[in-house]
Amino acid sequence: MFIAILTYKKPLSEVDRYLAARREYLAEHYAAGDFIASGPQTPRIGGVIMIKADDCTVVDAIIAQDPFNVNGIADYQIVEFTPTMFCDHVLSEILK
């Protein structure tokens, strides 16, 4: 399991120009089962994506397609973790 922490390096006006493409990208990866949760940070300085993937090579390939990455909108910090505790009715389905 991975967490991608995005930090915007462009003004919000430029971030907003790529939101439609970004939402399409997110929808594709939710449909493929790659993404578990995502959303903006508060305050809106970036975003977070929880990613289900077997290894960092897969995550790197997914992030390479992100319109925010392609267009130089955000920097990414990728954190790999192993869930050891979770809400049974939510994550147990995800981790199958």
N, C-alpha and C. Protein backbone atom coordinates (compact mmCIF):
# COMPACT_ATOMS: atom_id res chain seq x y z
N MET A 1 0.86 -1.16 0.00
CA MET A 1 0.00 0.00 0.00
C MET A 1 0.91 1.22 0.00
N PHE A 2 0.45 2.26 -0.69
CA PHE A 2 1.25 3.47 -0.84
C PHE A 2 0.38 4.70 -0.62
N ILE A 3 1.02 5.74 -0.15
CA ILE A 3 0.40 7.06 -0.05
C ILE A 3 1.24 7.99 -0.93
N ALA A 4 0.59 8.70 -1.83
CA ALA A 4 1.26 9.75 -2.60
C ALA A 4 0.84 11.08 -2.01
N ILE A 5 1.82 11.85 -1.57
CA ILE A 5 1.56 13.17 -1.02
C ILE A 5 2.05 14.19 -2.04
N LEU A 6 1.11 14.96 -2.58
CA LEU A 6 1.44 15.95 -3.59
C LEU A 6 1.56 17.33 -2.96
N THR A 7 2.54 18.08 -3.40
CA THR A 7 2.70 19.47 -2.99
C THR A 7 2.72 20.32 -4.25
N TYR A 8 1.77 21.26 -4.33
CA TYR A 8 1.71 22.10 -5.52
C TYR A 8 2.94 23.00 -5.59
N LYS A 9 3.47 23.14 -6.80
CA LYS A 9 4.58 24.06 -7.01
C LYS A 9 4.20 25.18 -7.97
N LYS A 10 2.92 25.21 -8.32
CA LYS A 10 2.36 26.27 -9.18
C LYS A 10 1.19 26.90 -8.44
N PRO A 11 0.81 28.13 -8.82
CA PRO A 11 -0.35 28.78 -8.18
C PRO A 11 -1.64 27.99 -8.43
N LEU A 12 -2.60 28.15 -7.52
CA LEU A 12 -3.87 27.43 -7.65
C LEU A 12 -4.58 27.72 -8.97
N SER A 13 -4.39 28.90 -9.52
CA SER A 13 -5.02 29.19 -10.82
C SER A 13 -4.50 28.24 -11.89
N GLU A 14 -3.24 27.87 -11.83
CA GLU A 14 -2.69 26.92 -12.80
C GLU A 14 -3.09 25.49 -12.45
N VAL A 15 -3.15 25.16 -11.16
CA VAL A 15 -3.64 23.85 -10.73
C VAL A 15 -5.04 23.63 -11.29
N ASP A 16 -5.89 24.62 -11.15
CA ASP A 16 -7.28 24.51 -11.58
C ASP A 16 -7.42 24.28 -13.09
N ARG A 17 -6.46 24.74 -13.87
CA ARG A 17 -6.51 24.52 -15.33
C ARG A 17 -6.44 23.04 -15.69
N TYR A 18 -5.87 22.23 -14.82
CA TYR A 18 -5.68 20.81 -15.10
C TYR A 18 -6.63 19.90 -14.33
N LEU A 19 -7.61 20.48 -13.62
CA LEU A 19 -8.51 19.68 -12.79
C LEU A 19 -9.37 18.71 -13.60
N ALA A 20 -9.88 19.12 -14.74
CA ALA A 20 -10.73 18.22 -15.53
C ALA A 20 -9.93 17.00 -15.98
N ALA A 21 -8.74 17.22 -16.50
CA ALA A 21 -7.88 16.10 -16.92
C ALA A 21 -7.51 15.24 -15.72
N ARG A 22 -7.28 15.86 -14.60
CA ARG A 22 -6.90 15.12 -13.39
C ARG A 22 -8.05 14.25 -12.91
N ARG A 23 -9.25 14.76 -12.97
CA ARG A 23 -10.41 13.97 -12.54
C ARG A 23 -10.61 12.76 -13.44
N GLU A 24 -10.36 12.90 -14.73
CA GLU A 24 -10.43 11.76 -15.64
C GLU A 24 -9.38 10.72 -15.28
N TYR A 25 -8.18 11.17 -15.03
CA TYR A 25 -7.08 10.29 -14.62
C TYR A 25 -7.45 9.54 -13.34
N LEU A 26 -7.96 10.27 -12.35
CA LEU A 26 -8.36 9.64 -11.09
C LEU A 26 -9.45 8.60 -11.33
N ALA A 27 -10.46 8.96 -12.12
CA ALA A 27 -11.57 8.05 -12.39
C ALA A 27 -11.08 6.75 -13.04
N GLU A 28 -10.14 6.86 -13.97
CA GLU A 28 -9.58 5.67 -14.63
C GLU A 28 -8.92 4.74 -13.62
N HIS A 29 -8.17 5.33 -12.68
CA HIS A 29 -7.45 4.50 -11.72
C HIS A 29 -8.35 3.98 -10.60
N TYR A 30 -9.43 4.68 -10.28
CA TYR A 30 -10.42 4.11 -9.37
C TYR A 30 -11.10 2.92 -10.04
N ALA A 31 -11.46 3.07 -11.30
CA ALA A 31 -12.12 1.98 -12.03
C ALA A 31 -11.22 0.76 -12.15
N ALA A 32 -9.91 0.99 -12.27
CA ALA A 32 -8.94 -0.12 -12.37
C ALA A 32 -8.63 -0.75 -11.02
N GLY A 33 -9.09 -0.12 -9.93
CA GLY A 33 -8.82 -0.65 -8.59
C GLY A 33 -7.49 -0.21 -8.01
N ASP A 34 -6.84 0.76 -8.65
CA ASP A 34 -5.54 1.24 -8.18
C ASP A 34 -5.66 2.21 -7.01
N PHE A 35 -6.68 3.06 -7.03
CA PHE A 35 -6.82 4.10 -6.02
C PHE A 35 -7.90 3.72 -5.01
N ILE A 36 -7.62 4.01 -3.74
CA ILE A 36 -8.53 3.71 -2.64
C ILE A 36 -9.24 4.97 -2.17
N ALA A 37 -8.47 6.06 -2.07
CA ALA A 37 -9.01 7.34 -1.61
C ALA A 37 -8.10 8.45 -2.12
N SER A 38 -8.67 9.63 -2.29
CA SER A 38 -7.86 10.78 -2.71
C SER A 38 -8.59 12.05 -2.33
N GLY A 39 -7.84 13.14 -2.30
CA GLY A 39 -8.45 14.43 -2.02
C GLY A 39 -7.41 15.48 -1.77
N PRO A 40 -7.87 16.73 -1.70
CA PRO A 40 -6.95 17.84 -1.46
C PRO A 40 -6.52 17.90 0.01
N GLN A 41 -5.34 18.44 0.23
CA GLN A 41 -4.91 18.73 1.60
C GLN A 41 -5.67 19.96 2.08
N THR A 42 -5.74 20.11 3.38
CA THR A 42 -6.34 21.30 3.99
C THR A 42 -5.29 21.95 4.87
N PRO A 43 -4.85 23.17 4.55
CA PRO A 43 -5.26 24.02 3.44
C PRO A 43 -4.82 23.43 2.10
N ARG A 44 -5.34 23.98 1.03
CA ARG A 44 -5.14 23.43 -0.32
C ARG A 44 -3.74 23.75 -0.86
N ILE A 45 -2.77 23.00 -0.35
CA ILE A 45 -1.37 23.16 -0.78
C ILE A 45 -0.92 21.96 -1.60
N GLY A 46 -1.82 21.01 -1.80
CA GLY A 46 -1.50 19.79 -2.53
C GLY A 46 -2.61 18.79 -2.33
N GLY A 47 -2.27 17.53 -2.48
CA GLY A 47 -3.28 16.48 -2.34
C GLY A 47 -2.67 15.20 -1.83
N VAL A 48 -3.53 14.20 -1.66
CA VAL A 48 -3.12 12.89 -1.16
C VAL A 48 -3.87 11.82 -1.95
N ILE A 49 -3.16 10.74 -2.30
CA ILE A 49 -3.79 9.60 -2.95
C ILE A 49 -3.34 8.33 -2.22
N MET A 50 -4.28 7.49 -1.83
CA MET A 50 -3.96 6.18 -1.28
C MET A 50 -4.02 5.20 -2.44
N ILE A 51 -2.91 4.47 -2.65
CA ILE A 51 -2.75 3.63 -3.83
C ILE A 51 -2.54 2.17 -3.42
N LYS A 52 -3.27 1.28 -4.07
CA LYS A 52 -3.07 -0.15 -3.89
C LYS A 52 -2.21 -0.64 -5.05
N ALA A 53 -0.99 -1.08 -4.74
CA ALA A 53 -0.07 -1.55 -5.77
C ALA A 53 0.89 -2.54 -5.14
N ASP A 54 1.42 -3.44 -5.97
CA ASP A 54 2.34 -4.47 -5.48
C ASP A 54 3.73 -3.94 -5.20
N ASP A 55 4.17 -2.93 -5.95
CA ASP A 55 5.51 -2.39 -5.72
C ASP A 55 5.62 -0.97 -6.25
N CYS A 56 6.74 -0.34 -5.94
CA CYS A 56 6.92 1.07 -6.30
C CYS A 56 7.06 1.28 -7.80
N THR A 57 7.44 0.27 -8.55
CA THR A 57 7.51 0.39 -10.00
C THR A 57 6.13 0.67 -10.58
N VAL A 58 5.14 -0.01 -10.06
CA VAL A 58 3.75 0.20 -10.50
C VAL A 58 3.30 1.61 -10.13
N VAL A 59 3.60 2.03 -8.91
CA VAL A 59 3.23 3.38 -8.46
C VAL A 59 3.90 4.42 -9.34
N ASP A 60 5.17 4.25 -9.63
CA ASP A 60 5.88 5.21 -10.49
C ASP A 60 5.23 5.32 -11.86
N ALA A 61 4.80 4.19 -12.42
CA ALA A 61 4.14 4.20 -13.73
C ALA A 61 2.80 4.93 -13.67
N ILE A 62 2.07 4.73 -12.58
CA ILE A 62 0.78 5.41 -12.40
C ILE A 62 0.99 6.91 -12.26
N ILE A 63 1.94 7.32 -11.43
CA ILE A 63 2.21 8.74 -11.19
C ILE A 63 2.72 9.41 -12.47
N ALA A 64 3.45 8.68 -13.28
CA ALA A 64 3.97 9.24 -14.53
C ALA A 64 2.85 9.71 -15.45
N GLN A 65 1.65 9.15 -15.30
CA GLN A 65 0.50 9.51 -16.14
C GLN A 65 -0.31 10.68 -15.58
N ASP A 66 -0.07 11.05 -14.34
CA ASP A 66 -0.86 12.09 -13.68
C ASP A 66 -0.67 13.43 -14.40
N PRO A 67 -1.75 14.07 -14.83
CA PRO A 67 -1.62 15.37 -15.49
C PRO A 67 -0.89 16.40 -14.63
N PHE A 68 -1.00 16.31 -13.32
CA PHE A 68 -0.25 17.22 -12.46
C PHE A 68 1.25 16.96 -12.55
N ASN A 69 1.64 15.73 -12.75
CA ASN A 69 3.05 15.39 -12.92
C ASN A 69 3.51 15.76 -14.33
N VAL A 70 2.75 15.36 -15.33
CA VAL A 70 3.10 15.61 -16.73
C VAL A 70 3.31 17.11 -16.98
N ASN A 71 2.49 17.94 -16.34
CA ASN A 71 2.53 19.38 -16.57
C ASN A 71 3.29 20.17 -15.51
N GLY A 72 4.04 19.46 -14.65
CA GLY A 72 4.89 20.12 -13.68
C GLY A 72 4.14 20.91 -12.61
N ILE A 73 2.95 20.45 -12.25
CA ILE A 73 2.11 21.16 -11.30
C ILE A 73 2.47 20.83 -9.85
N ALA A 74 2.92 19.58 -9.61
CA ALA A 74 3.13 19.14 -8.22
C ALA A 74 4.40 18.30 -8.10
N ASP A 75 4.95 18.33 -6.90
CA ASP A 75 6.00 17.39 -6.50
C ASP A 75 5.32 16.27 -5.74
N TYR A 76 5.93 15.09 -5.76
CA TYR A 76 5.34 13.90 -5.15
C TYR A 76 6.28 13.29 -4.13
N GLN A 77 5.73 12.96 -2.98
CA GLN A 77 6.42 12.13 -2.00
C GLN A 77 5.63 10.83 -1.92
N ILE A 78 6.29 9.72 -2.17
CA ILE A 78 5.64 8.41 -2.13
C ILE A 78 6.07 7.70 -0.86
N VAL A 79 5.09 7.26 -0.08
CA VAL A 79 5.34 6.55 1.18
C VAL A 79 4.73 5.16 1.06
N GLU A 80 5.55 4.13 1.22
CA GLU A 80 5.05 2.77 1.24
C GLU A 80 4.81 2.37 2.69
N PHE A 81 3.69 1.68 2.93
CA PHE A 81 3.42 1.21 4.28
C PHE A 81 2.67 -0.10 4.23
N THR A 82 2.72 -0.83 5.34
CA THR A 82 2.01 -2.09 5.48
C THR A 82 0.94 -1.91 6.54
N PRO A 83 -0.33 -1.90 6.14
CA PRO A 83 -1.39 -1.76 7.13
C PRO A 83 -1.39 -2.94 8.10
N THR A 84 -1.34 -2.65 9.37
CA THR A 84 -1.42 -3.70 10.38
C THR A 84 -2.70 -3.60 11.20
N MET A 85 -3.31 -2.45 11.18
CA MET A 85 -4.62 -2.26 11.81
C MET A 85 -5.48 -1.48 10.83
N PHE A 86 -6.74 -1.85 10.78
CA PHE A 86 -7.65 -1.17 9.88
C PHE A 86 -9.08 -1.47 10.27
N CYS A 87 -9.99 -0.65 9.74
CA CYS A 87 -11.42 -0.85 9.96
C CYS A 87 -11.84 -2.05 9.13
N ASP A 88 -12.26 -3.12 9.79
CA ASP A 88 -12.55 -4.39 9.12
C ASP A 88 -13.46 -4.26 7.91
N HIS A 89 -14.56 -3.57 8.04
CA HIS A 89 -15.53 -3.54 6.96
C HIS A 89 -15.10 -2.67 5.77
N VAL A 90 -14.06 -1.90 5.90
CA VAL A 90 -13.58 -1.07 4.79
C VAL A 90 -12.33 -1.67 4.15
N LEU A 91 -11.26 -1.73 4.90
CA LEU A 91 -9.99 -2.15 4.33
C LEU A 91 -9.86 -3.64 4.08
N SER A 92 -10.60 -4.45 4.78
CA SER A 92 -10.47 -5.90 4.53
C SER A 92 -10.89 -6.23 3.10
N GLU A 93 -11.86 -5.51 2.56
CA GLU A 93 -12.27 -5.70 1.16
C GLU A 93 -11.19 -5.20 0.22
N ILE A 94 -10.59 -4.10 0.55
CA ILE A 94 -9.55 -3.50 -0.30
C ILE A 94 -8.31 -4.38 -0.36
N LEU A 95 -7.95 -4.98 0.75
CA LEU A 95 -6.71 -5.74 0.83
C LEU A 95 -6.80 -7.14 0.27
N LYS A 96 -7.98 -7.56 -0.18
CA LYS A 96 -8.14 -8.91 -0.75
C LYS A 96 -7.28 -9.10 -1.96
